Amino acid sequence: MFKVLVLQSLYNLSDDKTEFQIRDRLSFMRFLGLSLGDAVPDAKTIWLFREELTEAGLIRPLFVIFEMFLQEKGFSAKRGQIIDASIVPAPRQRNSREENRQIKGGEVPEDWSEEKKRQKDIDARWTKKNGQNHYGYKNHIDIDVKHKLIRGYEVTPASVHDSQVFEALLDEDNSSRDVWADSAYRSEEKVEVLEKDGYREHLQRKGCKHKALTSGRSGGIGRDLGFGVEWSMYLGLRRCGRGI
């Protein structure tokens, strides 16, 4: 089941889409060690597994074990790291205004039965991206440049800005001090933090209304490094997926 969460973070999939893609893609089934006749975890099972891991505080310990496994197999983090985030949609909740007010305040409506509580997602939040509203969570990941494998992982409500978990994701054990990230992470404060800690920053710059960026400054992370982030992580998983 932990490998299912890895796939979710790589491909920015909701629980329902994850269930569908596992059934539809042979590459997913091979990565998970499933044959055509095996049962596939449904969306509800995936959601419950993630919730239980989060409540138990096991997400980070599991990734520590995952990192140890990668190092034993010769996949130590090298050539720098890439920080990125993606929104994972969650089913939209049909709550009253008063219920939403209580949930935003960190409370659970008192009149909800235990059965209803199990069916409600009170941690997902709304955010706006590219002019569109999204409801759900945000996956924050750190991958190394050489093997394109996930080295750090954080899950937050979608409303949390990418930059708020930036420092928490940085991998001190990477063989290089180079750090890549898109313009959402760039600020004077972040640049100063990286320089102070001895990192070489490659944070994308934001364009201004009357001053266009040069081609060298406006290129995406994938173009700068010579690969697409999602595709490269898929290749990295194929290299060692059978042993995970």
C-alpha atoms as a PDB file:
ATOM      1  CA  MET A   1       0.000   0.000   0.000  1.00  0.00           C
ATOM      2  CA  PHE A   2       2.898   2.360   0.629  1.00  0.00           C
ATOM      3  CA  LYS A   3       3.922   1.926  -3.014  1.00  0.00           C
ATOM      4  CA  VAL A   4       0.417   3.074  -3.991  1.00  0.00           C
ATOM      5  CA  LEU A   5       1.100   6.368  -2.202  1.00  0.00           C
ATOM      6  CA  VAL A   6       4.374   6.684  -4.112  1.00  0.00           C
ATOM      7  CA  LEU A   7       2.465   6.347  -7.389  1.00  0.00           C
ATOM      8  CA  GLN A   8      -0.080   8.918  -6.233  1.00  0.00           C
ATOM      9  CA  SER A   9       2.608  11.477  -5.505  1.00  0.00           C
ATOM     10  CA  LEU A  10       4.370  10.862  -8.824  1.00  0.00           C
ATOM     11  CA  TYR A  11       1.338  11.159 -11.038  1.00  0.00           C
ATOM     12  CA  ASN A  12      -0.779  13.609  -9.030  1.00  0.00           C
ATOM     13  CA  LEU A  13      -3.706  11.193  -8.754  1.00  0.00           C
ATOM     14  CA  SER A  14      -6.811  11.309  -6.614  1.00  0.00           C
ATOM     15  CA  ASP A  15      -7.852   8.146  -4.808  1.00  0.00           C
ATOM     16  CA  ASP A  16     -10.486   7.343  -7.450  1.00  0.00           C
ATOM     17  CA  LYS A  17      -8.045   7.928 -10.317  1.00  0.00           C
ATOM     18  CA  THR A  18      -5.395   5.843  -8.565  1.00  0.00           C
ATOM     19  CA  GLU A  19      -7.754   2.887  -8.358  1.00  0.00           C
ATOM     20  CA  PHE A  20      -8.620   3.273 -12.046  1.00  0.00           C
ATOM     21  CA  GLN A  21      -5.001   3.626 -13.194  1.00  0.00           C
ATOM     22  CA  ILE A  22      -3.887   0.541 -11.229  1.00  0.00           C
ATOM     23  CA  ARG A  23      -6.583  -1.467 -13.001  1.00  0.00           C
ATOM     24  CA  ASP A  24      -5.755   0.093 -16.376  1.00  0.00           C
ATOM     25  CA  ARG A  25      -1.937   0.225 -16.481  1.00  0.00           C
ATOM     26  CA  LEU A  26       0.209  -2.871 -16.581  1.00  0.00           C
ATOM     27  CA  SER A  27       3.215  -0.755 -15.554  1.00  0.00           C
ATOM     28  CA  PHE A  28       1.418   0.191 -12.316  1.00  0.00           C
ATOM     29  CA  MET A  29       0.498  -3.426 -11.639  1.00  0.00           C
ATOM     30  CA  ARG A  30       4.081  -4.573 -12.186  1.00  0.00           C
ATOM     31  CA  PHE A  31       5.379  -1.900  -9.821  1.00  0.00           C
ATOM     32  CA  LEU A  32       2.886  -3.005  -7.157  1.00  0.00           C
ATOM     33  CA  GLY A  33       3.594  -6.685  -7.712  1.00  0.00           C
ATOM     34  CA  LEU A  34       0.036  -7.421  -8.857  1.00  0.00           C
ATOM     35  CA  SER A  35      -1.107  -9.870 -11.521  1.00  0.00           C
ATOM     36  CA  LEU A  36      -4.229  -9.475 -13.675  1.00  0.00           C
ATOM     37  CA  GLY A  37      -6.267 -11.691 -11.371  1.00  0.00           C
ATOM     38  CA  ASP A  38      -5.290  -9.982  -8.096  1.00  0.00           C
ATOM     39  CA  ALA A  39      -7.601  -7.718  -6.130  1.00  0.00           C
ATOM     40  CA  VAL A  40      -6.882  -3.986  -6.474  1.00  0.00           C
ATOM     41  CA  PRO A  41      -7.314  -1.638  -3.487  1.00  0.00           C
ATOM     42  CA  ASP A  42     -10.292   0.630  -4.040  1.00  0.00           C
ATOM     43  CA  ALA A  43     -10.359   4.390  -3.498  1.00  0.00           C
ATOM     44  CA  LYS A  44     -11.823   4.102   0.007  1.00  0.00           C
ATOM     45  CA  THR A  45      -9.085   1.678   1.091  1.00  0.00           C
ATOM     46  CA  ILE A  46      -6.378   3.995  -0.247  1.00  0.00           C
ATOM     47  CA  TRP A  47      -7.893   6.963   1.576  1.00  0.00           C
ATOM     48  CA  LEU A  48      -8.176   5.066   4.862  1.00  0.00           C
ATOM     49  CA  PHE A  49      -4.584   3.820   4.600  1.00  0.00           C
ATOM     50  CA  ARG A  50      -3.243   7.332   4.034  1.00  0.00           C
ATOM     51  CA  GLU A  51      -5.358   8.743   6.877  1.00  0.00           C
ATOM     52  CA  GLU A  52      -4.155   6.073   9.306  1.00  0.00           C
ATOM     53  CA  LEU A  53      -0.508   6.689   8.363  1.00  0.00           C
ATOM     54  CA  THR A  54      -0.957  10.427   8.797  1.00  0.00           C
ATOM     55  CA  GLU A  55      -2.700  10.122  12.177  1.00  0.00           C
ATOM     56  CA  ALA A  56      -0.019   7.701  13.391  1.00  0.00           C
ATOM     57  CA  GLY A  57       2.784  10.008  12.217  1.00  0.00           C
ATOM     58  CA  LEU A  58       4.297   7.262  10.067  1.00  0.00           C
ATOM     59  CA  ILE A  59       4.715   9.025   6.713  1.00  0.00           C
ATOM     60  CA  ARG A  60       8.199  10.344   7.458  1.00  0.00           C
ATOM     61  CA  PRO A  61       9.475   7.168   9.227  1.00  0.00           C
ATOM     62  CA  LEU A  62       8.363   5.118   6.232  1.00  0.00           C
ATOM     63  CA  PHE A  63      10.308   7.345   3.881  1.00  0.00           C
ATOM     64  CA  VAL A  64      13.357   7.017   6.124  1.00  0.00           C
ATOM     65  CA  ILE A  65      13.103   3.224   5.699  1.00  0.00           C
ATOM     66  CA  PHE A  66      12.551   3.734   1.965  1.00  0.00           C
ATOM     67  CA  GLU A  67      15.702   5.882   1.791  1.00  0.00           C
ATOM     68  CA  MET A  68      17.734   3.244   3.644  1.00  0.00           C
ATOM     69  CA  PHE A  69      16.555   0.619   1.172  1.00  0.00           C
ATOM     70  CA  LEU A  70      17.555   2.799  -1.792  1.00  0.00           C
ATOM     71  CA  GLN A  71      21.024   3.359  -0.366  1.00  0.00           C
ATOM     72  CA  GLU A  72      21.515  -0.376   0.206  1.00  0.00           C
ATOM     73  CA  LYS A  73      20.666  -0.950  -3.467  1.00  0.00           C
ATOM     74  CA  GLY A  74      23.194   1.662  -4.594  1.00  0.00           C
ATOM     75  CA  PHE A  75      20.698   4.453  -5.242  1.00  0.00           C
ATOM     76  CA  SER A  76      22.151   7.096  -2.916  1.00  0.00           C
ATOM     77  CA  ALA A  77      21.027  10.672  -3.539  1.00  0.00           C
ATOM     78  CA  LYS A  78      23.391  12.377  -5.983  1.00  0.00           C
ATOM     79  CA  ARG A  79      23.835  15.415  -8.271  1.00  0.00           C
ATOM     80  CA  GLY A  80      21.469  17.698  -6.384  1.00  0.00           C
ATOM     81  CA  GLN A  81      17.772  17.746  -5.621  1.00  0.00           C
ATOM     82  CA  ILE A  82      14.497  18.997  -7.030  1.00  0.00           C
ATOM     83  CA  ILE A  83      11.705  20.313  -4.815  1.00  0.00           C
ATOM     84  CA  ASP A  84       8.198  20.232  -6.264  1.00  0.00           C
ATOM     85  CA  ALA A  85       4.538  20.136  -5.239  1.00  0.00           C
ATOM     86  CA  SER A  86       1.308  18.998  -6.865  1.00  0.00           C
ATOM     87  CA  ILE A  87      -2.374  19.128  -5.957  1.00  0.00           C
ATOM     88  CA  VAL A  88      -4.211  15.863  -5.348  1.00  0.00           C
ATOM     89  CA  PRO A  89      -7.985  16.348  -5.675  1.00  0.00           C
ATOM     90  CA  ALA A  90     -10.333  14.965  -3.050  1.00  0.00           C
ATOM     91  CA  PRO A  91     -14.110  14.432  -3.296  1.00  0.00           C
ATOM     92  CA  ARG A  92     -15.874  17.728  -2.645  1.00  0.00           C
ATOM     93  CA  GLN A  93     -17.773  17.790   0.628  1.00  0.00           C
ATOM     94  CA  ARG A  94     -21.435  18.764   0.731  1.00  0.00           C
ATOM     95  CA  ASN A  95     -21.534  20.592   4.042  1.00  0.00           C
ATOM     96  CA  SER A  96     -23.639  23.468   5.287  1.00  0.00           C
ATOM     97  CA  ARG A  97     -22.061  26.880   5.840  1.00  0.00           C
ATOM     98  CA  GLU A  98     -22.126  26.334   9.578  1.00  0.00           C
ATOM     99  CA  GLU A  99     -20.459  22.934   9.232  1.00  0.00           C
ATOM    100  CA  ASN A 100     -17.743  24.440   7.026  1.00  0.00           C
ATOM    101  CA  ARG A 101     -17.219  27.229   9.543  1.00  0.00           C
ATOM    102  CA  GLN A 102     -16.683  24.708  12.336  1.00  0.00           C
ATOM    103  CA  ILE A 103     -14.365  22.556  10.211  1.00  0.00           C
ATOM    104  CA  LYS A 104     -12.213  25.555   9.276  1.00  0.00           C
ATOM    105  CA  GLY A 105     -11.992  26.347  12.971  1.00  0.00           C
ATOM    106  CA  GLY A 106     -10.618  22.902  13.685  1.00  0.00           C
ATOM    107  CA  GLU A 107     -13.867  21.546  15.125  1.00  0.00           C
ATOM    108  CA  VAL A 108     -16.046  18.596  14.158  1.00  0.00           C
ATOM    109  CA  PRO A 109     -19.820  19.288  14.081  1.00  0.00           C
ATOM    110  CA  GLU A 110     -21.303  17.828  17.245  1.00  0.00           C
ATOM    111  CA  ASP A 111     -24.350  16.357  15.516  1.00  0.00           C
ATOM    112  CA  TRP A 112     -22.274  14.144  13.199  1.00  0.00           C
ATOM    113  CA  SER A 113     -22.584  10.443  13.953  1.00  0.00           C
ATOM    114  CA  GLU A 114     -19.502   8.223  14.072  1.00  0.00           C
ATOM    115  CA  GLU A 115     -20.500   6.726  10.722  1.00  0.00           C
ATOM    116  CA  LYS A 116     -20.763  10.176   9.150  1.00  0.00           C
ATOM    117  CA  LYS A 117     -17.390  11.206  10.586  1.00  0.00           C
ATOM    118  CA  ARG A 118     -15.755   8.222   8.892  1.00  0.00           C
ATOM    119  CA  GLN A 119     -17.206   9.328   5.562  1.00  0.00           C
ATOM    120  CA  LYS A 120     -16.181  12.978   5.845  1.00  0.00           C
ATOM    121  CA  ASP A 121     -12.813  14.449   4.925  1.00  0.00           C
ATOM    122  CA  ILE A 122     -12.240  17.402   7.252  1.00  0.00           C
ATOM    123  CA  ASP A 123      -8.570  18.007   6.424  1.00  0.00           C
ATOM    124  CA  ALA A 124      -8.776  18.798   2.701  1.00  0.00           C
ATOM    125  CA  ARG A 125      -8.939  22.509   1.767  1.00  0.00           C
ATOM    126  CA  TRP A 126      -9.626  24.776  -1.198  1.00  0.00           C
ATOM    127  CA  THR A 127      -6.942  26.563  -3.194  1.00  0.00           C
ATOM    128  CA  LYS A 128      -6.748  28.448  -6.488  1.00  0.00           C
ATOM    129  CA  LYS A 129      -4.231  27.654  -9.231  1.00  0.00           C
ATOM    130  CA  ASN A 130      -4.120  29.198 -12.702  1.00  0.00           C
ATOM    131  CA  GLY A 131      -7.490  30.809 -12.068  1.00  0.00           C
ATOM    132  CA  GLN A 132      -9.201  27.520 -11.155  1.00  0.00           C
ATOM    133  CA  ASN A 133     -10.416  26.344  -7.759  1.00  0.00           C
ATOM    134  CA  HIS A 134      -9.171  22.988  -6.457  1.00  0.00           C
ATOM    135  CA  TYR A 135     -10.192  21.010  -3.387  1.00  0.00           C
ATOM    136  CA  GLY A 136      -7.952  18.431  -1.799  1.00  0.00           C
ATOM    137  CA  TYR A 137      -4.386  17.994  -0.643  1.00  0.00           C
ATOM    138  CA  LYS A 138      -0.917  18.902  -1.800  1.00  0.00           C
ATOM    139  CA  ASN A 139       1.961  16.459  -2.194  1.00  0.00           C
ATOM    140  CA  HIS A 140       5.382  18.043  -1.574  1.00  0.00           C
ATOM    141  CA  ILE A 141       8.342  15.971  -2.748  1.00  0.00           C
ATOM    142  CA  ASP A 142      12.128  16.048  -2.941  1.00  0.00           C
ATOM    143  CA  ILE A 143      13.810  13.947  -5.654  1.00  0.00           C
ATOM    144  CA  ASP A 144      17.476  13.511  -6.455  1.00  0.00           C
ATOM    145  CA  VAL A 145      18.773  14.493  -9.896  1.00  0.00           C
ATOM    146  CA  LYS A 146      20.792  11.359 -10.681  1.00  0.00           C
ATOM    147  CA  HIS A 147      18.291   8.585  -9.970  1.00  0.00           C
ATOM    148  CA  LYS A 148      15.096  10.698 -10.054  1.00  0.00           C
ATOM    149  CA  LEU A 149      13.726   9.008  -6.944  1.00  0.00           C
ATOM    150  CA  ILE A 150      11.684  10.505  -4.115  1.00  0.00           C
ATOM    151  CA  ARG A 151      13.863  11.315  -1.084  1.00  0.00           C
ATOM    152  CA  GLY A 152      11.415  13.339   0.992  1.00  0.00           C
ATOM    153  CA  TYR A 153       7.633  13.602   1.142  1.00  0.00           C
ATOM    154  CA  GLU A 154       5.103  15.804   2.936  1.00  0.00           C
ATOM    155  CA  VAL A 155       1.303  15.926   2.645  1.00  0.00           C
ATOM    156  CA  THR A 156      -0.589  19.103   3.511  1.00  0.00           C
ATOM    157  CA  PRO A 157      -4.007  20.596   2.785  1.00  0.00           C
ATOM    158  CA  ALA A 158      -4.062  22.146  -0.699  1.00  0.00           C
ATOM    159  CA  SER A 159      -4.238  25.629   0.832  1.00  0.00           C
ATOM    160  CA  VAL A 160      -0.663  25.393   2.166  1.00  0.00           C
ATOM    161  CA  HIS A 161       1.731  27.310  -0.087  1.00  0.00           C
ATOM    162  CA  ASP A 162       4.525  25.285  -1.707  1.00  0.00           C
ATOM    163  CA  SER A 163       7.238  27.335  -0.004  1.00  0.00           C
ATOM    164  CA  GLN A 164       5.989  26.626   3.539  1.00  0.00           C
ATOM    165  CA  VAL A 165       7.528  23.137   3.615  1.00  0.00           C
ATOM    166  CA  PHE A 166      10.568  23.947   1.463  1.00  0.00           C
ATOM    167  CA  GLU A 167      13.242  23.720   4.184  1.00  0.00           C
ATOM    168  CA  ALA A 168      11.685  20.583   5.690  1.00  0.00           C
ATOM    169  CA  LEU A 169      12.184  18.721   2.399  1.00  0.00           C
ATOM    170  CA  LEU A 170      15.855  19.560   1.807  1.00  0.00           C
ATOM    171  CA  ASP A 171      18.078  16.470   1.834  1.00  0.00           C
ATOM    172  CA  GLU A 172      21.324  17.059   3.741  1.00  0.00           C
ATOM    173  CA  ASP A 173      22.741  13.727   2.550  1.00  0.00           C
ATOM    174  CA  ASN A 174      22.674  14.535  -1.172  1.00  0.00           C
ATOM    175  CA  SER A 175      26.166  14.420  -2.685  1.00  0.00           C
ATOM    176  CA  SER A 176      25.632  17.823  -4.347  1.00  0.00           C
ATOM    177  CA  ARG A 177      24.600  21.165  -2.864  1.00  0.00           C
ATOM    178  CA  ASP A 178      22.553  22.137  -5.951  1.00  0.00           C
ATOM    179  CA  VAL A 179      18.832  22.734  -5.400  1.00  0.00           C
ATOM    180  CA  TRP A 180      16.251  23.230  -8.164  1.00  0.00           C
ATOM    181  CA  ALA A 181      12.677  24.477  -7.733  1.00  0.00           C
ATOM    182  CA  ASP A 182      10.135  26.513  -9.672  1.00  0.00           C
ATOM    183  CA  SER A 183       9.316  30.186  -9.132  1.00  0.00           C
ATOM    184  CA  ALA A 184       6.728  29.461  -6.397  1.00  0.00           C
ATOM    185  CA  TYR A 185       9.644  28.823  -4.021  1.00  0.00           C
ATOM    186  CA  ARG A 186      11.697  31.884  -4.914  1.00  0.00           C
ATOM    187  CA  SER A 187      11.964  34.746  -2.422  1.00  0.00           C
ATOM    188  CA  GLU A 188      14.808  36.715  -0.909  1.00  0.00           C
ATOM    189  CA  GLU A 189      14.299  34.777   2.331  1.00  0.00           C
ATOM    190  CA  LYS A 190      14.563  31.362   0.648  1.00  0.00           C
ATOM    191  CA  VAL A 191      17.644  32.377  -1.325  1.00  0.00           C
ATOM    192  CA  GLU A 192      19.331  33.624   1.867  1.00  0.00           C
ATOM    193  CA  VAL A 193      18.465  30.392   3.722  1.00  0.00           C
ATOM    194  CA  LEU A 194      19.982  28.280   0.952  1.00  0.00           C
ATOM    195  CA  GLU A 195      23.148  30.380   0.794  1.00  0.00           C
ATOM    196  CA  LYS A 196      23.502  30.326   4.584  1.00  0.00           C
ATOM    197  CA  ASP A 197      23.227  26.515   4.632  1.00  0.00           C
ATOM    198  CA  GLY A 198      25.746  26.140   1.828  1.00  0.00           C
ATOM    199  CA  TYR A 199      23.391  25.247  -1.015  1.00  0.00           C
ATOM    200  CA  ARG A 200      23.660  26.475  -4.612  1.00  0.00           C
ATOM    201  CA  GLU A 201      20.219  27.724  -5.560  1.00  0.00           C
ATOM    202  CA  HIS A 202      18.614  27.191  -8.965  1.00  0.00           C
ATOM    203  CA  LEU A 203      15.186  28.628  -8.168  1.00  0.00           C
ATOM    204  CA  GLN A 204      13.226  29.789 -11.198  1.00  0.00           C
ATOM    205  CA  ARG A 205      12.628  33.523 -11.426  1.00  0.00           C
ATOM    206  CA  LYS A 206       9.287  35.254 -11.785  1.00  0.00           C
ATOM    207  CA  GLY A 207       8.652  37.532 -14.722  1.00  0.00           C
ATOM    208  CA  CYS A 208       7.557  41.144 -14.261  1.00  0.00           C
ATOM    209  CA  LYS A 209       4.797  42.946 -16.141  1.00  0.00           C
ATOM    210  CA  HIS A 210       7.121  45.198 -18.119  1.00  0.00           C
ATOM    211  CA  LYS A 211      10.257  43.059 -18.064  1.00  0.00           C
ATOM    212  CA  ALA A 212      10.252  39.692 -19.761  1.00  0.00           C
ATOM    213  CA  LEU A 213      12.653  37.009 -18.586  1.00  0.00           C
ATOM    214  CA  THR A 214      15.489  35.898 -20.822  1.00  0.00           C
ATOM    215  CA  SER A 215      15.294  32.378 -22.246  1.00  0.00           C
ATOM    216  CA  GLY A 216      17.935  31.221 -19.771  1.00  0.00           C
ATOM    217  CA  ARG A 217      15.901  32.424 -16.805  1.00  0.00           C
ATOM    218  CA  SER A 218      12.456  31.381 -17.940  1.00  0.00           C
ATOM    219  CA  GLY A 219      13.191  27.734 -18.747  1.00  0.00           C
ATOM    220  CA  GLY A 220      11.450  25.104 -16.668  1.00  0.00           C
ATOM    221  CA  ILE A 221      13.234  22.788 -14.286  1.00  0.00           C
ATOM    222  CA  GLY A 222      12.926  19.870 -16.671  1.00  0.00           C
ATOM    223  CA  ARG A 223      14.522  21.796 -19.519  1.00  0.00           C
ATOM    224  CA  ASP A 224      17.333  23.059 -17.292  1.00  0.00           C
ATOM    225  CA  LEU A 225      18.206  19.502 -16.268  1.00  0.00           C
ATOM    226  CA  GLY A 226      17.509  17.865 -19.604  1.00  0.00           C
ATOM    227  CA  PHE A 227      14.435  15.805 -18.611  1.00  0.00           C
ATOM    228  CA  GLY A 228      10.800  16.081 -17.585  1.00  0.00           C
ATOM    229  CA  VAL A 229      10.406  15.708 -13.831  1.00  0.00           C
ATOM    230  CA  GLU A 230       7.459  13.283 -13.908  1.00  0.00           C
ATOM    231  CA  TRP A 231       8.932  11.137 -16.709  1.00  0.00           C
ATOM    232  CA  SER A 232      12.326  10.965 -15.061  1.00  0.00           C
ATOM    233  CA  MET A 233      10.823   9.842 -11.742  1.00  0.00           C
ATOM    234  CA  TYR A 234       8.925   7.122 -13.592  1.00  0.00           C
ATOM    235  CA  LEU A 235      12.184   5.876 -15.093  1.00  0.00           C
ATOM    236  CA  GLY A 236      13.805   5.922 -11.654  1.00  0.00           C
ATOM    237  CA  LEU A 237      11.001   3.844 -10.198  1.00  0.00           C
ATOM    238  CA  ARG A 238      11.326   1.282 -12.978  1.00  0.00           C
ATOM    239  CA  ARG A 239      14.993   0.823 -12.094  1.00  0.00           C
ATOM    240  CA  CYS A 240      14.377  -0.315  -8.546  1.00  0.00           C
ATOM    241  CA  GLY A 241      10.611  -0.847  -8.299  1.00  0.00           C
ATOM    242  CA  ARG A 242      10.784  -4.625  -8.206  1.00  0.00           C
ATOM    243  CA  GLY A 243      12.896  -4.563  -5.089  1.00  0.00           C
ATOM    244  CA  ILE A 244      10.800  -2.138  -3.059  1.00  0.00           C
END
